[in-house]
Amino acid sequence: MSEQSIDRAKAAGLCPMCGNVHCICEKEIEPLPPLQERLEQEKSERGERVERLSKMVEELFSGEDQEKVRLAILRSFDVPQRGNYHNEGMYMDTHLDRILSTIDDIYHGVFPKGIPEALKDVLLEVAKKNPKESFQKYAFLHDIDKPNTLKLKYNNQTEVDLSWEQWVAQLPPELAQQPDPVKMDVYLTQQGIEGVSYVHGKEAHGDKGAKTIVELGAKIDPSIIKAIQKHEAGFLFTKTQTRLYEEQFGDFSPDERLWAIAASYTDLMGSYQSKDPGSIPSKPEVFVLGHLMDSKRNFETISSLRNSIATDQELKGWIEKEIVKQASIDQHVFTLIGKAEPLMLSTVLLIELKDKFAPKFIPGQKLGKFIPTLQKMFPDQFQKVRVALLNIREDAGMDGLQAVFETIQASEEQKKVITAWVKE
């Protein structure tokens, strides 16, 4: 594109690359400098940000019956952030603002580099089925119970669980009444508080928050409440884990799974992580999203395979005749679930499963008598020949034997010996 064309596009308020008002060009995620370098900026921008977010809360949760919901959300703006996982800012309003920006991007079809195409499809489907206001409600509600689940980690490695009231009571009065990112950083440093997390006991703040939302009577789709329960699940997928995906989302409906994945995405994109926040820039760890989507694909493949197994008449016949046990088939599927790599299509997996458990042309106990002969004839490929012969299905017969000959290196004399033995 010429410089003149670029200037005309900019003058018209269009992206000179994609030609849209809302640019949909893929961009790298910009890391944030160490938090201490941004505290003054956060302080100067906080008033406008909190006012803007508060207005959104008033609009999204209007009405007297939603007053308790509004107050709980507004309180969450002042939750402190400290440690490796939330370096968007010193207070949680910065985390919410990042998530809301990510939601805007989804509805404009904007995604950063490195986001799997399958994940984009999920996010766009959620956006297509739901108004943006529903997604924005999720954003304000997903961390609503962080104030009630504060855990302070001190630099002497001790940890202390606090209620919100206890936290506010221990703050200097001025800081409790007027949150200030710069002063909060000083306070946390003086107190030796090196980390803040949000879990009391075994109950995560997402699980507790889902209960609180119901108790407060928040007007929100039940699917979103389930998504709030699981909004941190995406962080768990440091590798492809189909079994983990099944544990987290297996009892969800298809739409609930979409919401849960979308929730994980926005929470991750709003969480700037760093191994050393004081000196190393922070950014979202998007690599887990690829593992999440691979796990989703594998789960769907396994679900399809299970359905095929349940309806396959030939398999049913083998089970009824006790040629194969259901437990053996279940164990085979269980092993597939444990694989870390992407699985093949369910149709291929079903064929492999049936080949494994089908009645065999040459039963193992009979082949055992022929083993010494095979070892002498095929000293270098004995195992390959043995397994190939054992895997010939009963319904394949002698044609199956001929197929085996095509996969091994055997002389005509050796083929004759094997064929004669099989016919006997």
Protein backbone atom coordinates (compact mmCIF):
# COMPACT_ATOMS: atom_id res chain seq x y z
CA MET A 1 0.00 0.00 0.00
CA SER A 2 1.35 3.43 -0.91
CA GLU A 3 2.00 6.11 1.71
CA GLN A 4 -0.79 8.19 0.16
CA SER A 5 -3.28 5.31 0.54
CA ILE A 6 -2.18 4.77 4.14
CA ASP A 7 -2.73 8.46 4.90
CA ARG A 8 -6.21 8.38 3.31
CA ALA A 9 -7.17 5.29 5.35
CA LYS A 10 -5.98 6.89 8.57
CA ALA A 11 -7.87 10.09 7.77
CA ALA A 12 -11.05 8.06 7.28
CA GLY A 13 -10.55 6.32 10.64
CA LEU A 14 -9.73 2.99 8.99
CA CYS A 15 -6.90 0.57 9.59
CA PRO A 16 -4.63 0.97 6.55
CA MET A 17 -3.87 -2.77 6.57
CA CYS A 18 -7.27 -4.48 6.94
CA GLY A 19 -9.47 -1.53 5.97
CA ASN A 20 -11.73 -1.80 9.04
CA VAL A 21 -12.74 0.79 11.61
CA HIS A 22 -11.95 -1.79 14.26
CA CYS A 23 -8.64 -3.25 13.18
CA ILE A 24 -8.72 -7.04 12.92
CA CYS A 25 -5.03 -7.45 12.09
CA GLU A 26 -3.29 -10.04 14.24
CA LYS A 27 -0.83 -8.41 16.61
CA GLU A 28 1.69 -9.64 19.12
CA ILE A 29 0.61 -9.30 22.74
CA GLU A 30 2.55 -6.38 24.14
CA PRO A 31 4.24 -7.25 27.44
CA LEU A 32 3.80 -4.84 30.34
CA PRO A 33 6.88 -3.35 32.00
CA PRO A 34 7.60 -4.37 35.63
CA LEU A 35 4.71 -3.24 37.81
CA GLN A 36 6.73 -0.75 39.87
CA GLU A 37 7.42 1.20 36.66
CA ARG A 38 3.68 1.60 36.04
CA LEU A 39 2.34 2.50 39.49
CA GLU A 40 2.22 6.25 38.93
CA GLN A 41 0.39 5.73 35.64
CA GLU A 42 -2.08 3.34 37.28
CA LYS A 43 -2.69 5.91 40.01
CA SER A 44 -3.34 8.72 37.53
CA GLU A 45 -5.71 6.59 35.44
CA ARG A 46 -7.54 4.81 38.24
CA GLY A 47 -10.17 7.46 38.89
CA GLU A 48 -11.36 7.47 35.27
CA ARG A 49 -11.19 3.67 35.02
CA VAL A 50 -13.17 3.02 38.22
CA GLU A 51 -15.76 5.62 37.22
CA ARG A 52 -16.18 4.01 33.79
CA LEU A 53 -16.41 0.49 35.21
CA SER A 54 -18.85 1.62 37.91
CA LYS A 55 -21.13 3.13 35.29
CA MET A 56 -21.10 -0.16 33.37
CA VAL A 57 -22.03 -2.03 36.56
CA GLU A 58 -24.97 0.35 37.14
CA GLU A 59 -26.23 -0.28 33.60
CA LEU A 60 -25.69 -4.05 33.55
CA PHE A 61 -27.12 -4.72 37.01
CA SER A 62 -29.80 -2.05 37.28
CA GLY A 63 -32.74 -2.19 39.66
CA GLU A 64 -33.21 -2.29 43.41
CA ASP A 65 -33.13 -6.08 43.45
CA GLN A 66 -29.57 -5.99 42.08
CA GLU A 67 -28.18 -3.53 44.63
CA LYS A 68 -26.31 -6.19 46.62
CA VAL A 69 -24.78 -7.48 43.40
CA ARG A 70 -23.59 -4.00 42.46
CA LEU A 71 -22.05 -3.37 45.88
CA ALA A 72 -20.20 -6.71 45.80
CA ILE A 73 -18.78 -5.95 42.35
CA LEU A 74 -17.70 -2.43 43.29
CA ARG A 75 -15.95 -3.79 46.37
CA SER A 76 -13.96 -6.18 44.18
CA PHE A 77 -12.34 -3.23 42.34
CA ASP A 78 -10.19 -2.64 45.44
CA VAL A 79 -8.89 -6.20 45.84
CA PRO A 80 -5.06 -6.06 45.95
CA GLN A 81 -2.91 -7.95 43.45
CA ARG A 82 0.61 -9.12 44.15
CA GLY A 83 2.80 -11.96 42.90
CA ASN A 84 3.52 -13.83 39.69
CA TYR A 85 0.03 -14.14 38.25
CA HIS A 86 -1.67 -10.72 38.26
CA ASN A 87 0.57 -7.89 37.17
CA GLU A 88 -2.05 -5.88 35.25
CA GLY A 89 -2.00 -3.45 38.17
CA MET A 90 -1.97 -3.15 41.93
CA TYR A 91 -5.75 -3.43 42.13
CA MET A 92 -8.26 -5.82 40.55
CA ASP A 93 -10.01 -3.10 38.54
CA THR A 94 -7.07 -3.35 36.10
CA HIS A 95 -7.70 -7.09 35.67
CA LEU A 96 -11.40 -6.49 34.95
CA ASP A 97 -10.56 -3.72 32.49
CA ARG A 98 -8.24 -6.02 30.54
CA ILE A 99 -10.94 -8.69 30.36
CA LEU A 100 -13.56 -6.21 29.15
CA SER A 101 -11.16 -5.03 26.46
CA THR A 102 -10.64 -8.66 25.41
CA ILE A 103 -14.42 -9.12 25.20
CA ASP A 104 -14.69 -6.07 22.93
CA ASP A 105 -12.02 -7.60 20.70
CA ILE A 106 -13.94 -10.89 20.46
CA TYR A 107 -17.08 -9.12 19.27
CA HIS A 108 -14.99 -7.27 16.67
CA GLY A 109 -13.28 -10.50 15.57
CA VAL A 110 -9.89 -9.35 16.83
CA PHE A 111 -7.43 -11.90 18.19
CA PRO A 112 -3.72 -11.71 19.01
CA LYS A 113 -1.12 -13.87 17.32
CA GLY A 114 -0.76 -17.38 18.62
CA ILE A 115 -4.47 -18.02 19.27
CA PRO A 116 -5.56 -21.40 17.78
CA GLU A 117 -8.11 -21.18 14.97
CA ALA A 118 -10.33 -23.69 16.79
CA LEU A 119 -10.41 -21.37 19.80
CA LYS A 120 -11.34 -18.39 17.62
CA ASP A 121 -14.27 -20.45 16.31
CA VAL A 122 -15.44 -21.14 19.87
CA LEU A 123 -15.21 -17.49 20.88
CA LEU A 124 -17.01 -16.26 17.78
CA GLU A 125 -19.76 -18.85 18.33
CA VAL A 126 -20.27 -17.62 21.90
CA ALA A 127 -20.38 -14.04 20.61
CA LYS A 128 -22.88 -15.01 17.92
CA LYS A 129 -25.21 -16.73 20.37
CA ASN A 130 -25.01 -14.17 23.18
CA PRO A 131 -25.23 -10.38 23.46
CA LYS A 132 -22.03 -8.68 24.59
CA GLU A 133 -23.81 -7.60 27.78
CA SER A 134 -23.95 -11.25 28.90
CA PHE A 135 -20.20 -11.57 28.48
CA GLN A 136 -19.65 -8.27 30.30
CA LYS A 137 -21.79 -9.51 33.19
CA TYR A 138 -19.57 -12.56 33.38
CA ALA A 139 -16.48 -10.34 33.56
CA PHE A 140 -17.77 -8.36 36.53
CA LEU A 141 -19.03 -11.43 38.38
CA HIS A 142 -16.29 -14.00 37.80
CA ASP A 143 -14.04 -12.75 40.66
CA ILE A 144 -16.81 -11.46 42.92
CA ASP A 145 -15.65 -13.59 45.86
CA LYS A 146 -11.97 -12.70 45.76
CA PRO A 147 -12.50 -10.24 48.64
CA ASN A 148 -13.77 -13.14 50.79
CA THR A 149 -10.93 -15.52 49.93
CA LEU A 150 -7.81 -13.40 50.45
CA LYS A 151 -4.63 -15.28 51.29
CA LEU A 152 -1.51 -13.26 52.10
CA LYS A 153 1.89 -14.83 51.53
CA TYR A 154 4.75 -13.26 53.49
CA ASN A 155 8.42 -13.29 52.59
CA ASN A 156 9.07 -15.58 55.58
CA GLN A 157 6.91 -18.18 53.73
CA THR A 158 3.99 -17.94 56.18
CA GLU A 159 0.45 -17.63 54.79
CA VAL A 160 -2.57 -16.00 56.37
CA ASP A 161 -6.23 -16.26 55.33
CA LEU A 162 -8.25 -13.08 55.78
CA SER A 163 -11.84 -11.96 55.35
CA TRP A 164 -12.40 -8.67 53.56
CA GLU A 165 -13.26 -6.97 56.84
CA GLN A 166 -10.02 -8.18 58.42
CA TRP A 167 -8.02 -6.95 55.43
CA VAL A 168 -9.55 -3.49 55.47
CA ALA A 169 -9.13 -3.24 59.25
CA GLN A 170 -5.37 -3.82 59.05
CA LEU A 171 -4.82 -1.16 56.36
CA PRO A 172 -3.84 2.39 57.28
CA PRO A 173 -7.15 4.34 57.47
CA GLU A 174 -6.21 6.65 54.59
CA LEU A 175 -5.37 3.72 52.31
CA ALA A 176 -8.54 1.86 53.30
CA GLN A 177 -10.71 4.87 52.46
CA GLN A 178 -8.80 6.01 49.37
CA PRO A 179 -7.08 3.16 47.44
CA ASP A 180 -3.77 4.26 45.99
CA PRO A 181 -1.55 1.95 43.87
CA VAL A 182 1.69 3.67 44.92
CA LYS A 183 0.87 3.64 48.63
CA MET A 184 -0.43 0.08 48.45
CA ASP A 185 2.88 -1.08 46.97
CA VAL A 186 4.74 0.64 49.80
CA TYR A 187 2.42 -0.90 52.39
CA LEU A 188 2.76 -4.44 51.02
CA THR A 189 6.55 -4.10 50.89
CA GLN A 190 6.76 -2.77 54.44
CA GLN A 191 4.57 -5.62 55.70
CA GLY A 192 6.68 -8.23 53.91
CA ILE A 193 3.72 -9.37 51.80
CA GLU A 194 5.15 -10.84 48.60
CA GLY A 195 2.00 -12.49 47.24
CA VAL A 196 -1.79 -12.34 47.34
CA SER A 197 -3.93 -15.26 46.22
CA TYR A 198 -7.62 -16.03 46.50
CA VAL A 199 -8.41 -19.41 48.01
CA HIS A 200 -9.44 -20.53 51.49
CA GLY A 201 -9.09 -24.23 52.16
CA LYS A 202 -9.87 -26.39 49.13
CA GLU A 203 -12.63 -24.19 47.71
CA ALA A 204 -11.42 -21.95 44.88
CA HIS A 205 -12.85 -18.45 44.56
CA GLY A 206 -14.62 -19.46 41.34
CA ASP A 207 -16.62 -22.18 43.12
CA LYS A 208 -17.38 -19.90 46.05
CA GLY A 209 -18.23 -17.03 43.73
CA ALA A 210 -20.77 -19.13 41.82
CA LYS A 211 -22.60 -19.80 45.09
CA THR A 212 -22.46 -16.14 46.09
CA ILE A 213 -23.91 -15.06 42.74
CA VAL A 214 -26.91 -17.31 43.28
CA GLU A 215 -27.32 -16.09 46.87
CA LEU A 216 -27.22 -12.46 45.77
CA GLY A 217 -29.82 -13.11 43.08
CA ALA A 218 -27.72 -11.90 40.16
CA LYS A 219 -29.67 -11.98 36.90
CA ILE A 220 -27.43 -14.12 34.74
CA ASP A 221 -27.66 -17.17 32.51
CA PRO A 222 -27.00 -20.46 34.40
CA SER A 223 -24.39 -21.39 31.78
CA ILE A 224 -22.37 -18.36 32.81
CA ILE A 225 -22.50 -19.40 36.45
CA LYS A 226 -20.90 -22.72 35.50
CA ALA A 227 -18.30 -20.84 33.46
CA ILE A 228 -17.48 -18.77 36.54
CA GLN A 229 -16.88 -21.98 38.49
CA LYS A 230 -14.33 -23.07 35.89
CA HIS A 231 -12.88 -19.76 34.71
CA GLU A 232 -9.38 -20.69 35.91
CA ALA A 233 -9.42 -24.18 34.39
CA GLY A 234 -7.55 -23.05 31.27
CA PHE A 235 -4.40 -22.41 33.33
CA LEU A 236 -4.25 -26.13 34.20
CA PHE A 237 -3.55 -27.28 30.64
CA THR A 238 0.23 -27.09 30.57
CA LYS A 239 0.04 -30.06 28.18
CA THR A 240 -2.69 -31.91 26.27
CA GLN A 241 -4.75 -33.69 28.94
CA THR A 242 -7.97 -35.27 27.73
CA ARG A 243 -8.72 -36.80 31.11
CA LEU A 244 -8.38 -33.41 32.81
CA TYR A 245 -10.71 -31.87 30.24
CA GLU A 246 -13.26 -34.60 30.96
CA GLU A 247 -12.93 -34.02 34.70
CA GLN A 248 -13.41 -30.27 34.33
CA PHE A 249 -16.11 -30.11 31.65
CA GLY A 250 -17.35 -33.66 31.06
CA ASP A 251 -20.75 -33.12 32.71
CA PHE A 252 -21.30 -29.76 30.99
CA SER A 253 -23.66 -29.32 28.05
CA PRO A 254 -22.05 -28.30 24.72
CA ASP A 255 -23.04 -24.66 25.26
CA GLU A 256 -21.75 -24.70 28.83
CA ARG A 257 -18.40 -25.99 27.58
CA LEU A 258 -18.20 -23.15 25.06
CA TRP A 259 -18.86 -20.62 27.81
CA ALA A 260 -16.28 -22.24 30.08
CA ILE A 261 -13.62 -22.10 27.36
CA ALA A 262 -14.49 -18.49 26.56
CA ALA A 263 -14.26 -17.66 30.26
CA SER A 264 -10.84 -19.32 30.51
CA TYR A 265 -9.64 -17.36 27.48
CA THR A 266 -10.72 -13.95 28.75
CA ASP A 267 -9.38 -14.58 32.24
CA LEU A 268 -6.04 -15.70 30.83
CA MET A 269 -5.84 -12.70 28.50
CA GLY A 270 -6.51 -10.44 31.47
CA SER A 271 -3.81 -12.07 33.60
CA TYR A 272 -0.28 -10.77 33.02
CA GLN A 273 2.22 -13.22 34.45
CA SER A 274 5.91 -12.98 35.25
CA LYS A 275 8.39 -15.18 37.10
CA ASP A 276 9.88 -12.01 38.59
CA PRO A 277 7.34 -9.15 38.46
CA GLY A 278 9.83 -6.72 39.95
CA SER A 279 12.25 -6.91 37.04
CA ILE A 280 10.77 -9.01 34.20
CA PRO A 281 7.93 -7.75 31.95
CA SER A 282 4.57 -9.55 32.23
CA LYS A 283 2.26 -11.02 29.60
CA PRO A 284 -0.47 -13.67 29.28
CA GLU A 285 0.75 -17.27 28.92
CA VAL A 286 -1.20 -18.15 25.76
CA PHE A 287 0.61 -21.46 25.14
CA VAL A 288 -1.86 -23.27 27.42
CA LEU A 289 -4.69 -22.38 25.02
CA GLY A 290 -3.31 -24.74 22.38
CA HIS A 291 -3.21 -27.58 24.90
CA LEU A 292 -6.75 -26.73 26.03
CA MET A 293 -8.09 -26.94 22.49
CA ASP A 294 -6.18 -30.16 21.73
CA SER A 295 -7.69 -31.63 24.89
CA LYS A 296 -11.14 -30.48 23.77
CA ARG A 297 -10.68 -32.11 20.37
CA ASN A 298 -9.49 -35.37 21.93
CA PHE A 299 -12.43 -35.37 24.35
CA GLU A 300 -14.87 -34.95 21.47
CA THR A 301 -13.12 -37.75 19.57
CA ILE A 302 -13.37 -40.06 22.58
CA SER A 303 -17.04 -39.13 23.06
CA SER A 304 -17.73 -40.01 19.43
CA LEU A 305 -15.78 -43.28 19.80
CA ARG A 306 -17.80 -44.23 22.88
CA ASN A 307 -21.04 -43.61 21.00
CA SER A 308 -19.81 -45.76 18.11
CA ILE A 309 -18.78 -48.56 20.46
CA ALA A 310 -22.20 -48.51 22.14
CA THR A 311 -24.06 -48.85 18.82
CA ASP A 312 -21.73 -51.18 16.89
CA GLN A 313 -23.63 -54.43 16.39
CA GLU A 314 -20.53 -56.50 15.66
CA LEU A 315 -18.91 -55.44 18.92
CA LYS A 316 -22.14 -56.20 20.78
CA GLY A 317 -22.11 -59.69 19.29
CA TRP A 318 -18.53 -60.33 20.40
CA ILE A 319 -19.37 -59.21 23.94
CA GLU A 320 -22.50 -61.39 24.08
CA LYS A 321 -20.49 -64.41 22.86
CA GLU A 322 -17.78 -63.54 25.43
CA ILE A 323 -15.17 -63.26 22.70
CA VAL A 324 -14.20 -59.95 24.28
CA LYS A 325 -15.02 -58.41 27.66
CA GLN A 326 -16.55 -54.95 28.00
CA ALA A 327 -13.92 -54.21 30.64
CA SER A 328 -11.17 -54.80 28.07
CA ILE A 329 -12.77 -52.32 25.67
CA ASP A 330 -13.18 -49.78 28.49
CA GLN A 331 -9.51 -50.17 29.40
CA HIS A 332 -8.52 -49.59 25.78
CA VAL A 333 -10.50 -46.34 25.69
CA PHE A 334 -9.06 -45.33 29.07
CA THR A 335 -5.56 -45.74 27.62
CA LEU A 336 -6.47 -43.54 24.64
CA ILE A 337 -7.70 -40.81 27.00
CA GLY A 338 -4.28 -40.74 28.63
CA LYS A 339 -2.41 -39.97 25.40
CA ALA A 340 -0.87 -36.49 25.20
CA GLU A 341 -0.85 -36.24 21.41
CA PRO A 342 -3.84 -35.42 19.15
CA LEU A 343 -5.92 -38.54 18.48
CA MET A 344 -6.95 -39.83 15.07
CA LEU A 345 -10.54 -39.63 13.87
CA SER A 346 -12.99 -41.69 15.90
CA THR A 347 -13.79 -43.78 12.82
CA VAL A 348 -10.13 -44.79 12.57
CA LEU A 349 -9.92 -45.48 16.30
CA LEU A 350 -12.98 -47.73 16.07
CA ILE A 351 -11.40 -49.74 13.25
CA GLU A 352 -8.19 -50.13 15.28
CA LEU A 353 -10.17 -51.18 18.34
CA LYS A 354 -12.15 -53.80 16.41
CA ASP A 355 -8.99 -55.11 14.78
CA LYS A 356 -7.49 -55.53 18.22
CA PHE A 357 -10.45 -57.35 19.77
CA ALA A 358 -11.91 -59.16 16.75
CA PRO A 359 -11.94 -63.01 16.74
CA LYS A 360 -8.57 -64.07 15.36
CA PHE A 361 -7.85 -66.33 12.41
CA ILE A 362 -4.88 -67.79 14.28
CA PRO A 363 -5.53 -68.10 18.05
CA GLY A 364 -2.54 -67.25 20.21
CA GLN A 365 -2.32 -70.66 21.86
CA LYS A 366 -2.09 -72.37 18.46
CA LEU A 367 0.53 -69.96 17.17
CA GLY A 368 2.62 -70.79 20.24
CA LYS A 369 3.40 -74.22 18.82
CA PHE A 370 4.74 -72.61 15.64
CA ILE A 371 6.96 -70.08 17.44
CA PRO A 372 10.24 -72.08 17.26
CA THR A 373 9.86 -72.43 13.49
CA LEU A 374 9.15 -68.71 13.06
CA GLN A 375 12.19 -67.78 15.18
CA LYS A 376 14.47 -69.86 12.96
CA MET A 377 12.97 -68.51 9.72
CA PHE A 378 12.85 -64.85 10.79
CA PRO A 379 15.62 -64.16 13.35
CA ASP A 380 15.63 -60.41 12.54
CA GLN A 381 11.89 -59.79 12.23
CA PHE A 382 10.36 -62.47 14.41
CA GLN A 383 8.27 -60.11 16.56
CA LYS A 384 6.91 -58.29 13.53
CA VAL A 385 5.87 -61.57 11.87
CA ARG A 386 4.37 -62.96 15.09
CA VAL A 387 2.24 -59.86 15.77
CA ALA A 388 1.12 -59.66 12.13
CA LEU A 389 -0.07 -63.27 12.19
CA LEU A 390 -1.85 -62.83 15.52
CA ASN A 391 -3.70 -59.76 14.21
CA ILE A 392 -5.29 -61.50 11.23
CA ARG A 393 -9.04 -61.27 11.80
CA GLU A 394 -11.12 -64.42 11.57
CA ASP A 395 -13.28 -62.94 8.83
CA ALA A 396 -10.18 -62.13 6.76
CA GLY A 397 -9.06 -65.76 6.55
CA MET A 398 -6.40 -66.67 4.01
CA ASP A 399 -6.75 -63.24 2.38
CA GLY A 400 -5.50 -61.82 5.66
CA LEU A 401 -2.50 -64.11 5.49
CA GLN A 402 -1.67 -62.88 2.00
CA ALA A 403 -1.87 -59.30 3.31
CA VAL A 404 0.66 -60.19 6.00
CA PHE A 405 3.06 -61.52 3.35
CA GLU A 406 3.00 -58.07 1.73
CA THR A 407 4.22 -56.44 4.94
CA ILE A 408 7.12 -58.76 5.78
CA GLN A 409 10.28 -59.81 3.99
CA ALA A 410 9.68 -63.50 3.27
CA SER A 411 10.93 -65.83 0.53
CA GLU A 412 8.49 -67.94 -1.47
CA GLU A 413 9.68 -71.02 0.43
CA GLN A 414 9.01 -69.32 3.77
CA LYS A 415 5.53 -68.28 2.60
CA LYS A 416 4.81 -71.89 1.62
CA VAL A 417 5.87 -73.16 5.06
CA ILE A 418 3.60 -70.66 6.84
CA THR A 419 0.68 -71.31 4.50
CA ALA A 420 0.95 -75.08 4.92
CA TRP A 421 1.03 -74.74 8.70
CA VAL A 422 -2.04 -72.47 8.70
CA LYS A 423 -4.01 -74.87 6.49
CA GLU A 424 -3.20 -77.76 8.83
